[in-house]
PDB file of all heavy atoms in Angstrom:
ATOM      1  N   VAL A   1      10.778  -7.690 -17.313  1.00  0.00           N
ATOM      2  CA  VAL A   1      11.443  -8.041 -16.072  1.00  0.00           C
ATOM      3  C   VAL A   1      10.629  -9.010 -15.245  1.00  0.00           C
ATOM      4  O   VAL A   1      11.120 -10.035 -14.767  1.00  0.00           O
ATOM      5  CB  VAL A   1      11.799  -6.787 -15.246  1.00  0.00           C
ATOM      6  CG1 VAL A   1      12.489  -7.210 -13.947  1.00  0.00           C
ATOM      7  CG2 VAL A   1      12.703  -5.881 -16.068  1.00  0.00           C
ATOM      8  N   SER A   2       9.326  -8.726 -15.084  1.00  0.00           N
ATOM      9  CA  SER A   2       8.428  -9.574 -14.303  1.00  0.00           C
ATOM     10  C   SER A   2       6.990  -9.189 -14.604  1.00  0.00           C
ATOM     11  O   SER A   2       6.734  -8.139 -15.177  1.00  0.00           O
ATOM     12  CB  SER A   2       8.706  -9.411 -12.809  1.00  0.00           C
ATOM     13  OG  SER A   2       8.496  -8.084 -12.366  1.00  0.00           O
ATOM     14  N   THR A   3       6.075 -10.079 -14.204  1.00  0.00           N
ATOM     15  CA  THR A   3       4.656  -9.796 -14.393  1.00  0.00           C
ATOM     16  C   THR A   3       3.917  -9.999 -13.081  1.00  0.00           C
ATOM     17  O   THR A   3       4.324 -10.824 -12.232  1.00  0.00           O
ATOM     18  CB  THR A   3       4.016 -10.745 -15.487  1.00  0.00           C
ATOM     19  OG1 THR A   3       4.073 -12.071 -15.025  1.00  0.00           O
ATOM     20  CG2 THR A   3       4.797 -10.617 -16.785  1.00  0.00           C
ATOM     21  N   HIS A   4       2.819  -9.246 -12.881  1.00  0.00           N
ATOM     22  CA  HIS A   4       2.079  -9.281 -11.653  1.00  0.00           C
ATOM     23  C   HIS A   4       0.569  -9.288 -11.999  1.00  0.00           C
ATOM     24  O   HIS A   4       0.084  -8.285 -12.565  1.00  0.00           O
ATOM     25  CB  HIS A   4       2.459  -8.083 -10.787  1.00  0.00           C
ATOM     26  CG  HIS A   4       3.905  -8.030 -10.506  1.00  0.00           C
ATOM     27  ND1 HIS A   4       4.463  -8.515  -9.327  1.00  0.00           N
ATOM     28  CD2 HIS A   4       4.946  -7.564 -11.257  1.00  0.00           C
ATOM     29  CE1 HIS A   4       5.784  -8.323  -9.381  1.00  0.00           C
ATOM     30  NE2 HIS A   4       6.104  -7.769 -10.525  1.00  0.00           N
ATOM     31  N   ARG A   5      -0.115 -10.367 -11.607  1.00  0.00           N
ATOM     32  CA  ARG A   5      -1.529 -10.547 -11.969  1.00  0.00           C
ATOM     33  C   ARG A   5      -2.403 -10.280 -10.779  1.00  0.00           C
ATOM     34  O   ARG A   5      -2.130 -10.681  -9.652  1.00  0.00           O
ATOM     35  CB  ARG A   5      -1.702 -11.994 -12.472  1.00  0.00           C
ATOM     36  CG  ARG A   5      -3.061 -12.340 -13.029  1.00  0.00           C
ATOM     37  CD  ARG A   5      -3.129 -13.786 -13.399  1.00  0.00           C
ATOM     38  NE  ARG A   5      -4.440 -14.194 -13.901  1.00  0.00           N
ATOM     39  CZ  ARG A   5      -4.791 -14.245 -15.148  1.00  0.00           C
ATOM     40  NH1 ARG A   5      -3.871 -13.934 -16.081  1.00  0.00           N
ATOM     41  NH2 ARG A   5      -5.972 -14.611 -15.540  1.00  0.00           N
ATOM     42  N   PHE A   6      -3.536  -9.610 -11.079  1.00  0.00           N
ATOM     43  CA  PHE A   6      -4.489  -9.230 -10.027  1.00  0.00           C
ATOM     44  C   PHE A   6      -5.865  -9.732 -10.523  1.00  0.00           C
ATOM     45  O   PHE A   6      -6.323  -9.322 -11.576  1.00  0.00           O
ATOM     46  CB  PHE A   6      -4.517  -7.739  -9.774  1.00  0.00           C
ATOM     47  CG  PHE A   6      -3.215  -7.200  -9.283  1.00  0.00           C
ATOM     48  CD1 PHE A   6      -2.157  -6.933 -10.179  1.00  0.00           C
ATOM     49  CD2 PHE A   6      -3.027  -6.941  -7.935  1.00  0.00           C
ATOM     50  CE1 PHE A   6      -0.974  -6.426  -9.712  1.00  0.00           C
ATOM     51  CE2 PHE A   6      -1.808  -6.414  -7.464  1.00  0.00           C
ATOM     52  CZ  PHE A   6      -0.767  -6.184  -8.365  1.00  0.00           C
ATOM     53  N   THR A   7      -6.514 -10.527  -9.717  1.00  0.00           N
ATOM     54  CA  THR A   7      -7.826 -11.099 -10.110  1.00  0.00           C
ATOM     55  C   THR A   7      -9.009 -10.460  -9.369  1.00  0.00           C
ATOM     56  O   THR A   7     -10.130 -10.660  -9.780  1.00  0.00           O
ATOM     57  CB  THR A   7      -7.857 -12.613  -9.888  1.00  0.00           C
ATOM     58  OG1 THR A   7      -7.668 -12.885  -8.478  1.00  0.00           O
ATOM     59  CG2 THR A   7      -6.732 -13.328 -10.686  1.00  0.00           C
ATOM     60  N   CYS A   8      -8.741  -9.707  -8.326  1.00  0.00           N
ATOM     61  CA  CYS A   8      -9.823  -9.041  -7.596  1.00  0.00           C
ATOM     62  C   CYS A   8      -9.261  -7.885  -6.779  1.00  0.00           C
ATOM     63  O   CYS A   8      -8.022  -7.748  -6.674  1.00  0.00           O
ATOM     64  CB  CYS A   8     -10.579 -10.031  -6.683  1.00  0.00           C
ATOM     65  SG  CYS A   8      -9.596 -10.600  -5.295  1.00  0.00           S
ATOM     66  N   ALA A   9     -10.141  -7.127  -6.237  1.00  0.00           N
ATOM     67  CA  ALA A   9      -9.725  -5.909  -5.516  1.00  0.00           C
ATOM     68  C   ALA A   9      -8.793  -6.244  -4.336  1.00  0.00           C
ATOM     69  O   ALA A   9      -7.841  -5.519  -4.028  1.00  0.00           O
ATOM     70  CB  ALA A   9     -10.946  -5.164  -5.011  1.00  0.00           C
ATOM     71  N   ARG A  10      -9.098  -7.330  -3.651  1.00  0.00           N
ATOM     72  CA  ARG A  10      -8.325  -7.676  -2.442  1.00  0.00           C
ATOM     73  C   ARG A  10      -6.847  -7.923  -2.774  1.00  0.00           C
ATOM     74  O   ARG A  10      -5.965  -7.762  -1.909  1.00  0.00           O
ATOM     75  CB  ARG A  10      -8.950  -8.863  -1.720  1.00  0.00           C
ATOM     76  CG  ARG A  10      -8.419  -9.056  -0.305  1.00  0.00           C
ATOM     77  CD  ARG A  10      -9.298  -9.926   0.552  1.00  0.00           C
ATOM     78  NE  ARG A  10      -8.778 -10.010   1.889  1.00  0.00           N
ATOM     79  CZ  ARG A  10      -8.951  -9.087   2.834  1.00  0.00           C
ATOM     80  NH1 ARG A  10      -9.654  -7.992   2.594  1.00  0.00           N
ATOM     81  NH2 ARG A  10      -8.453  -9.249   4.051  1.00  0.00           N
ATOM     82  N   ASP A  11      -6.572  -8.359  -3.990  1.00  0.00           N
ATOM     83  CA  ASP A  11      -5.164  -8.574  -4.358  1.00  0.00           C
ATOM     84  C   ASP A  11      -4.319  -7.312  -4.229  1.00  0.00           C
ATOM     85  O   ASP A  11      -3.107  -7.394  -3.983  1.00  0.00           O
ATOM     86  CB  ASP A  11      -5.089  -9.072  -5.812  1.00  0.00           C
ATOM     87  CG  ASP A  11      -5.482 -10.515  -5.972  1.00  0.00           C
ATOM     88  OD1 ASP A  11      -5.542 -11.212  -4.975  1.00  0.00           O
ATOM     89  OD2 ASP A  11      -5.724 -10.942  -7.141  1.00  0.00           O
ATOM     90  N   PHE A  12      -4.959  -6.175  -4.381  1.00  0.00           N
ATOM     91  CA  PHE A  12      -4.225  -4.894  -4.311  1.00  0.00           C
ATOM     92  C   PHE A  12      -3.839  -4.503  -2.882  1.00  0.00           C
ATOM     93  O   PHE A  12      -3.084  -3.539  -2.665  1.00  0.00           O
ATOM     94  CB  PHE A  12      -5.009  -3.784  -4.968  1.00  0.00           C
ATOM     95  CG  PHE A  12      -5.063  -3.900  -6.488  1.00  0.00           C
ATOM     96  CD1 PHE A  12      -6.063  -4.642  -7.074  1.00  0.00           C
ATOM     97  CD2 PHE A  12      -4.101  -3.301  -7.264  1.00  0.00           C
ATOM     98  CE1 PHE A  12      -6.128  -4.761  -8.465  1.00  0.00           C
ATOM     99  CE2 PHE A  12      -4.136  -3.451  -8.653  1.00  0.00           C
ATOM    100  CZ  PHE A  12      -5.156  -4.153  -9.254  1.00  0.00           C
ATOM    101  N   LEU A  13      -4.348  -5.195  -1.889  1.00  0.00           N
ATOM    102  CA  LEU A  13      -3.990  -4.914  -0.500  1.00  0.00           C
ATOM    103  C   LEU A  13      -2.516  -5.275  -0.233  1.00  0.00           C
ATOM    104  O   LEU A  13      -1.987  -4.877   0.816  1.00  0.00           O
ATOM    105  CB  LEU A  13      -4.922  -5.659   0.453  1.00  0.00           C
ATOM    106  CG  LEU A  13      -6.360  -5.123   0.535  1.00  0.00           C
ATOM    107  CD1 LEU A  13      -7.191  -6.032   1.430  1.00  0.00           C
ATOM    108  CD2 LEU A  13      -6.397  -3.694   1.017  1.00  0.00           C
ATOM    109  N   GLN A  14      -1.871  -5.986  -1.158  1.00  0.00           N
ATOM    110  CA  GLN A  14      -0.482  -6.274  -0.990  1.00  0.00           C
ATOM    111  C   GLN A  14       0.387  -5.050  -0.930  1.00  0.00           C
ATOM    112  O   GLN A  14       1.532  -5.082  -0.459  1.00  0.00           O
ATOM    113  CB  GLN A  14      -0.006  -7.207  -2.116  1.00  0.00           C
ATOM    114  CG  GLN A  14       0.002  -6.545  -3.484  1.00  0.00           C
ATOM    115  CD  GLN A  14       0.450  -7.525  -4.569  1.00  0.00           C
ATOM    116  OE1 GLN A  14       1.605  -7.547  -4.932  1.00  0.00           O
ATOM    117  NE2 GLN A  14      -0.489  -8.307  -5.063  1.00  0.00           N
ATOM    118  N   PHE A  15      -0.121  -3.908  -1.400  1.00  0.00           N
ATOM    119  CA  PHE A  15       0.627  -2.669  -1.389  1.00  0.00           C
ATOM    120  C   PHE A  15       0.601  -2.008  -0.005  1.00  0.00           C
ATOM    121  O   PHE A  15       1.338  -1.044   0.205  1.00  0.00           O
ATOM    122  CB  PHE A  15       0.090  -1.709  -2.417  1.00  0.00           C
ATOM    123  CG  PHE A  15       0.353  -2.186  -3.848  1.00  0.00           C
ATOM    124  CD1 PHE A  15      -0.627  -2.818  -4.567  1.00  0.00           C
ATOM    125  CD2 PHE A  15       1.615  -1.970  -4.421  1.00  0.00           C
ATOM    126  CE1 PHE A  15      -0.374  -3.245  -5.848  1.00  0.00           C
ATOM    127  CE2 PHE A  15       1.879  -2.437  -5.732  1.00  0.00           C
ATOM    128  CZ  PHE A  15       0.889  -3.054  -6.430  1.00  0.00           C
ATOM    129  N   LEU A  16      -0.188  -2.489   0.900  1.00  0.00           N
ATOM    130  CA  LEU A  16      -0.203  -1.999   2.250  1.00  0.00           C
ATOM    131  C   LEU A  16       0.793  -2.807   3.102  1.00  0.00           C
ATOM    132  O   LEU A  16       0.821  -4.001   3.015  1.00  0.00           O
ATOM    133  CB  LEU A  16      -1.582  -2.083   2.888  1.00  0.00           C
ATOM    134  CG  LEU A  16      -2.735  -1.356   2.194  1.00  0.00           C
ATOM    135  CD1 LEU A  16      -4.029  -1.517   2.970  1.00  0.00           C
ATOM    136  CD2 LEU A  16      -2.408   0.109   1.974  1.00  0.00           C
ATOM    137  N   PRO A  17       1.607  -2.124   3.921  1.00  0.00           N
ATOM    138  CA  PRO A  17       2.549  -2.876   4.786  1.00  0.00           C
ATOM    139  C   PRO A  17       1.805  -3.697   5.815  1.00  0.00           C
ATOM    140  O   PRO A  17       0.699  -3.348   6.237  1.00  0.00           O
ATOM    141  CB  PRO A  17       3.392  -1.766   5.423  1.00  0.00           C
ATOM    142  CG  PRO A  17       2.559  -0.525   5.296  1.00  0.00           C
ATOM    143  CD  PRO A  17       1.729  -0.682   4.056  1.00  0.00           C
ATOM    144  N   ALA A  18       2.401  -4.818   6.194  1.00  0.00           N
ATOM    145  CA  ALA A  18       1.767  -5.750   7.121  1.00  0.00           C
ATOM    146  C   ALA A  18       1.495  -5.104   8.466  1.00  0.00           C
ATOM    147  O   ALA A  18       0.555  -5.469   9.164  1.00  0.00           O
ATOM    148  CB  ALA A  18       2.633  -6.998   7.294  1.00  0.00           C
ATOM    149  N   ASP A  19       2.310  -4.127   8.830  1.00  0.00           N
ATOM    150  CA  ASP A  19       2.205  -3.495  10.158  1.00  0.00           C
ATOM    151  C   ASP A  19       1.437  -2.158  10.137  1.00  0.00           C
ATOM    152  O   ASP A  19       1.516  -1.412  11.073  1.00  0.00           O
ATOM    153  CB  ASP A  19       3.586  -3.249  10.798  1.00  0.00           C
ATOM    154  CG  ASP A  19       4.482  -2.400   9.899  1.00  0.00           C
ATOM    155  OD1 ASP A  19       4.162  -2.202   8.723  1.00  0.00           O
ATOM    156  OD2 ASP A  19       5.541  -1.921  10.393  1.00  0.00           O
ATOM    157  N   VAL A  20       0.658  -1.931   9.048  1.00  0.00           N
ATOM    158  CA  VAL A  20      -0.068  -0.673   8.993  1.00  0.00           C
ATOM    159  C   VAL A  20      -1.139  -0.668  10.078  1.00  0.00           C
ATOM    160  O   VAL A  20      -1.870  -1.666  10.261  1.00  0.00           O
ATOM    161  CB  VAL A  20      -0.708  -0.466   7.617  1.00  0.00           C
ATOM    162  CG1 VAL A  20      -1.800  -1.512   7.298  1.00  0.00           C
ATOM    163  CG2 VAL A  20      -1.273   0.939   7.496  1.00  0.00           C
ATOM    164  N   PRO A  21      -1.268   0.385  10.881  1.00  0.00           N
ATOM    165  CA  PRO A  21      -2.282   0.395  11.952  1.00  0.00           C
ATOM    166  C   PRO A  21      -3.679   0.496  11.387  1.00  0.00           C
ATOM    167  O   PRO A  21      -3.835   0.908  10.241  1.00  0.00           O
ATOM    168  CB  PRO A  21      -1.882   1.641  12.770  1.00  0.00           C
ATOM    169  CG  PRO A  21      -1.191   2.507  11.787  1.00  0.00           C
ATOM    170  CD  PRO A  21      -0.446   1.582  10.852  1.00  0.00           C
ATOM    171  N   GLN A  22      -4.652   0.143  12.185  1.00  0.00           N
ATOM    172  CA  GLN A  22      -6.046   0.257  11.814  1.00  0.00           C
ATOM    173  C   GLN A  22      -6.778   1.138  12.808  1.00  0.00           C
ATOM    174  O   GLN A  22      -6.821   0.807  13.990  1.00  0.00           O
ATOM    175  CB  GLN A  22      -6.727  -1.103  11.796  1.00  0.00           C
ATOM    176  CG  GLN A  22      -6.116  -2.126  10.844  1.00  0.00           C
ATOM    177  CD  GLN A  22      -6.417  -1.824   9.359  1.00  0.00           C
ATOM    178  OE1 GLN A  22      -7.562  -1.534   9.031  1.00  0.00           O
ATOM    179  NE2 GLN A  22      -5.387  -1.890   8.535  1.00  0.00           N
ATOM    180  N   PRO A  23      -7.270   2.312  12.388  1.00  0.00           N
ATOM    181  CA  PRO A  23      -7.214   2.871  11.060  1.00  0.00           C
ATOM    182  C   PRO A  23      -5.860   3.580  10.791  1.00  0.00           C
ATOM    183  O   PRO A  23      -5.054   3.749  11.699  1.00  0.00           O
ATOM    184  CB  PRO A  23      -8.368   3.856  11.021  1.00  0.00           C
ATOM    185  CG  PRO A  23      -8.444   4.332  12.478  1.00  0.00           C
ATOM    186  CD  PRO A  23      -8.094   3.159  13.293  1.00  0.00           C
ATOM    187  N   PHE A  24      -5.673   4.029   9.547  1.00  0.00           N
ATOM    188  CA  PHE A  24      -4.439   4.745   9.223  1.00  0.00           C
ATOM    189  C   PHE A  24      -4.764   5.876   8.269  1.00  0.00           C
ATOM    190  O   PHE A  24      -5.768   5.922   7.562  1.00  0.00           O
ATOM    191  CB  PHE A  24      -3.423   3.769   8.560  1.00  0.00           C
ATOM    192  CG  PHE A  24      -3.897   3.229   7.241  1.00  0.00           C
ATOM    193  CD1 PHE A  24      -3.563   3.839   6.048  1.00  0.00           C
ATOM    194  CD2 PHE A  24      -4.639   2.064   7.176  1.00  0.00           C
ATOM    195  CE1 PHE A  24      -3.961   3.330   4.823  1.00  0.00           C
ATOM    196  CE2 PHE A  24      -5.090   1.532   5.984  1.00  0.00           C
ATOM    197  CZ  PHE A  24      -4.747   2.184   4.775  1.00  0.00           C
ATOM    198  N   SER A  25      -3.838   6.842   8.187  1.00  0.00           N
ATOM    199  CA  SER A  25      -4.000   8.011   7.304  1.00  0.00           C
ATOM    200  C   SER A  25      -3.014   7.860   6.137  1.00  0.00           C
ATOM    201  O   SER A  25      -2.111   7.034   6.139  1.00  0.00           O
ATOM    202  CB  SER A  25      -3.728   9.305   8.074  1.00  0.00           C
ATOM    203  OG  SER A  25      -2.357   9.368   8.426  1.00  0.00           O
ATOM    204  N   ASN A  26      -3.186   8.736   5.163  1.00  0.00           N
ATOM    205  CA  ASN A  26      -2.230   8.765   4.052  1.00  0.00           C
ATOM    206  C   ASN A  26      -0.824   9.149   4.504  1.00  0.00           C
ATOM    207  O   ASN A  26       0.174   8.640   3.986  1.00  0.00           O
ATOM    208  CB  ASN A  26      -2.708   9.771   2.961  1.00  0.00           C
ATOM    209  CG  ASN A  26      -3.799   9.184   2.112  1.00  0.00           C
ATOM    210  OD1 ASN A  26      -3.711   8.080   1.647  1.00  0.00           O
ATOM    211  ND2 ASN A  26      -4.889   9.967   1.884  1.00  0.00           N
ATOM    212  N   LYS A  27      -0.757  10.028   5.503  1.00  0.00           N
ATOM    213  CA  LYS A  27       0.561  10.415   6.028  1.00  0.00           C
ATOM    214  C   LYS A  27       1.247   9.221   6.676  1.00  0.00           C
ATOM    215  O   LYS A  27       2.477   9.026   6.529  1.00  0.00           O
ATOM    216  CB  LYS A  27       0.431  11.584   6.995  1.00  0.00           C
ATOM    217  CG  LYS A  27       0.071  12.905   6.355  1.00  0.00           C
ATOM    218  CD  LYS A  27      -0.041  14.004   7.366  1.00  0.00           C
ATOM    219  CE  LYS A  27      -0.324  15.359   6.699  1.00  0.00           C
ATOM    220  NZ  LYS A  27      -0.448  16.460   7.685  1.00  0.00           N
ATOM    221  N   THR A  28       0.482   8.433   7.412  1.00  0.00           N
ATOM    222  CA  THR A  28       1.047   7.215   8.031  1.00  0.00           C
ATOM    223  C   THR A  28       1.554   6.262   6.987  1.00  0.00           C
ATOM    224  O   THR A  28       2.633   5.702   7.084  1.00  0.00           O
ATOM    225  CB  THR A  28       0.000   6.519   8.933  1.00  0.00           C
ATOM    226  OG1 THR A  28      -0.437   7.439   9.947  1.00  0.00           O
ATOM    227  CG2 THR A  28       0.554   5.284   9.547  1.00  0.00           C
ATOM    228  N   LEU A  29       0.717   6.096   5.923  1.00  0.00           N
ATOM    229  CA  LEU A  29       1.123   5.173   4.832  1.00  0.00           C
ATOM    230  C   LEU A  29       2.387   5.652   4.117  1.00  0.00           C
ATOM    231  O   LEU A  29       3.279   4.864   3.826  1.00  0.00           O
ATOM    232  CB  LEU A  29      -0.042   5.049   3.856  1.00  0.00           C
ATOM    233  CG  LEU A  29       0.105   3.986   2.754  1.00  0.00           C
ATOM    234  CD1 LEU A  29       0.236   2.600   3.368  1.00  0.00           C
ATOM    235  CD2 LEU A  29      -1.079   4.031   1.808  1.00  0.00           C
ATOM    236  N   ALA A  30       2.462   6.960   3.909  1.00  0.00           N
ATOM    237  CA  ALA A  30       3.637   7.531   3.229  1.00  0.00           C
ATOM    238  C   ALA A  30       4.902   7.264   4.044  1.00  0.00           C
ATOM    239  O   ALA A  30       5.961   6.973   3.471  1.00  0.00           O
ATOM    240  CB  ALA A  30       3.430   8.998   2.984  1.00  0.00           C
ATOM    241  N   ALA A  31       4.801   7.404   5.356  1.00  0.00           N
ATOM    242  CA  ALA A  31       5.950   7.167   6.206  1.00  0.00           C
ATOM    243  C   ALA A  31       6.366   5.699   6.215  1.00  0.00           C
ATOM    244  O   ALA A  31       7.557   5.386   6.188  1.00  0.00           O
ATOM    245  CB  ALA A  31       5.625   7.625   7.634  1.00  0.00           C
ATOM    246  N   LEU A  32       5.415   4.808   6.220  1.00  0.00           N
ATOM    247  CA  LEU A  32       5.698   3.377   6.248  1.00  0.00           C
ATOM    248  C   LEU A  32       6.264   2.862   4.905  1.00  0.00           C
ATOM    249  O   LEU A  32       7.136   2.017   4.860  1.00  0.00           O
ATOM    250  CB  LEU A  32       4.453   2.569   6.594  1.00  0.00           C
ATOM    251  CG  LEU A  32       3.947   2.722   8.051  1.00  0.00           C
ATOM    252  CD1 LEU A  32       2.620   2.010   8.193  1.00  0.00           C
ATOM    253  CD2 LEU A  32       4.989   2.096   9.035  1.00  0.00           C
ATOM    254  N   LEU A  33       5.731   3.419   3.798  1.00  0.00           N
ATOM    255  CA  LEU A  33       6.147   2.945   2.459  1.00  0.00           C
ATOM    256  C   LEU A  33       7.331   3.779   1.895  1.00  0.00           C
ATOM    257  O   LEU A  33       7.870   3.390   0.855  1.00  0.00           O
ATOM    258  CB  LEU A  33       4.971   3.036   1.513  1.00  0.00           C
ATOM    259  CG  LEU A  33       3.810   2.084   1.782  1.00  0.00           C
ATOM    260  CD1 LEU A  33       2.700   2.326   0.747  1.00  0.00           C
ATOM    261  CD2 LEU A  33       4.242   0.614   1.728  1.00  0.00           C
ATOM    262  N   HIS A  34       7.641   4.884   2.536  1.00  0.00           N
ATOM    263  CA  HIS A  34       8.685   5.793   2.017  1.00  0.00           C
ATOM    264  C   HIS A  34       8.335   6.243   0.589  1.00  0.00           C
ATOM    265  O   HIS A  34       9.200   6.256  -0.284  1.00  0.00           O
ATOM    266  CB  HIS A  34      10.024   5.106   2.074  1.00  0.00           C
ATOM    267  CG  HIS A  34      10.426   4.577   3.399  1.00  0.00           C
ATOM    268  ND1 HIS A  34      10.766   5.383   4.453  1.00  0.00           N
ATOM    269  CD2 HIS A  34      10.486   3.284   3.843  1.00  0.00           C
ATOM    270  CE1 HIS A  34      11.035   4.630   5.505  1.00  0.00           C
ATOM    271  NE2 HIS A  34      10.896   3.373   5.166  1.00  0.00           N
ATOM    272  N   LEU A  35       7.068   6.645   0.449  1.00  0.00           N
ATOM    273  CA  LEU A  35       6.556   7.144  -0.832  1.00  0.00           C
ATOM    274  C   LEU A  35       6.054   8.558  -0.684  1.00  0.00           C
ATOM    275  O   LEU A  35       5.633   8.978   0.409  1.00  0.00           O
ATOM    276  CB  LEU A  35       5.443   6.254  -1.354  1.00  0.00           C
ATOM    277  CG  LEU A  35       5.783   4.804  -1.799  1.00  0.00           C
ATOM    278  CD1 LEU A  35       4.535   4.088  -2.184  1.00  0.00           C
ATOM    279  CD2 LEU A  35       6.777   4.860  -2.948  1.00  0.00           C
ATOM    280  N   PRO A  36       6.004   9.343  -1.772  1.00  0.00           N
ATOM    281  CA  PRO A  36       5.401  10.678  -1.706  1.00  0.00           C
ATOM    282  C   PRO A  36       3.956  10.613  -1.305  1.00  0.00           C
ATOM    283  O   PRO A  36       3.224   9.663  -1.680  1.00  0.00           O
ATOM    284  CB  PRO A  36       5.598  11.222  -3.120  1.00  0.00           C
ATOM    285  CG  PRO A  36       6.680  10.396  -3.731  1.00  0.00           C
ATOM    286  CD  PRO A  36       6.558   9.028  -3.093  1.00  0.00           C
ATOM    287  N   LEU A  37       3.497  11.625  -0.591  1.00  0.00           N
ATOM    288  CA  LEU A  37       2.098  11.667  -0.143  1.00  0.00           C
ATOM    289  C   LEU A  37       1.106  11.605  -1.298  1.00  0.00           C
ATOM    290  O   LEU A  37       0.114  10.843  -1.219  1.00  0.00           O
ATOM    291  CB  LEU A  37       1.881  12.930   0.682  1.00  0.00           C
ATOM    292  CG  LEU A  37       0.520  13.083   1.385  1.00  0.00           C
ATOM    293  CD1 LEU A  37       0.245  11.885   2.305  1.00  0.00           C
ATOM    294  CD2 LEU A  37       0.464  14.368   2.168  1.00  0.00           C
ATOM    295  N   PRO A  38       1.325  12.312  -2.442  1.00  0.00           N
ATOM    296  CA  PRO A  38       0.363  12.217  -3.560  1.00  0.00           C
ATOM    297  C   PRO A  38       0.224  10.812  -4.063  1.00  0.00           C
ATOM    298  O   PRO A  38      -0.878  10.374  -4.474  1.00  0.00           O
ATOM    299  CB  PRO A  38       0.962  13.162  -4.623  1.00  0.00           C
ATOM    300  CG  PRO A  38       1.760  14.141  -3.824  1.00  0.00           C
ATOM    301  CD  PRO A  38       2.371  13.362  -2.705  1.00  0.00           C
ATOM    302  N   GLN A  39       1.305  10.065  -4.106  1.00  0.00           N
ATOM    303  CA  GLN A  39       1.240   8.657  -4.560  1.00  0.00           C
ATOM    304  C   GLN A  39       0.442   7.810  -3.605  1.00  0.00           C
ATOM    305  O   GLN A  39      -0.351   6.927  -4.041  1.00  0.00           O
ATOM    306  CB  GLN A  39       2.652   8.102  -4.747  1.00  0.00           C
ATOM    307  CG  GLN A  39       2.654   6.780  -5.546  1.00  0.00           C
ATOM    308  CD  GLN A  39       4.103   6.344  -5.903  1.00  0.00           C
ATOM    309  OE1 GLN A  39       5.074   7.017  -5.563  1.00  0.00           O
ATOM    310  NE2 GLN A  39       4.177   5.232  -6.570  1.00  0.00           N
ATOM    311  N   CYS A  40       0.582   8.036  -2.331  1.00  0.00           N
ATOM    312  CA  CYS A  40      -0.199   7.288  -1.333  1.00  0.00           C
ATOM    313  C   CYS A  40      -1.688   7.621  -1.433  1.00  0.00           C
ATOM    314  O   CYS A  40      -2.556   6.758  -1.210  1.00  0.00           O
ATOM    315  CB  CYS A  40       0.331   7.523   0.072  1.00  0.00           C
ATOM    316  SG  CYS A  40       1.943   6.765   0.346  1.00  0.00           S
TER     317      CYS A  40
END
């Protein structure tokens, strides 16, 4: 379907929402991403 290339650690920050507060908790991330807490 598609491919996604990552060349360094910072590329993985794309999984954080743009409006995530600093600092943030896993619970905050789960609410923003609508993902289960274990996955966050």
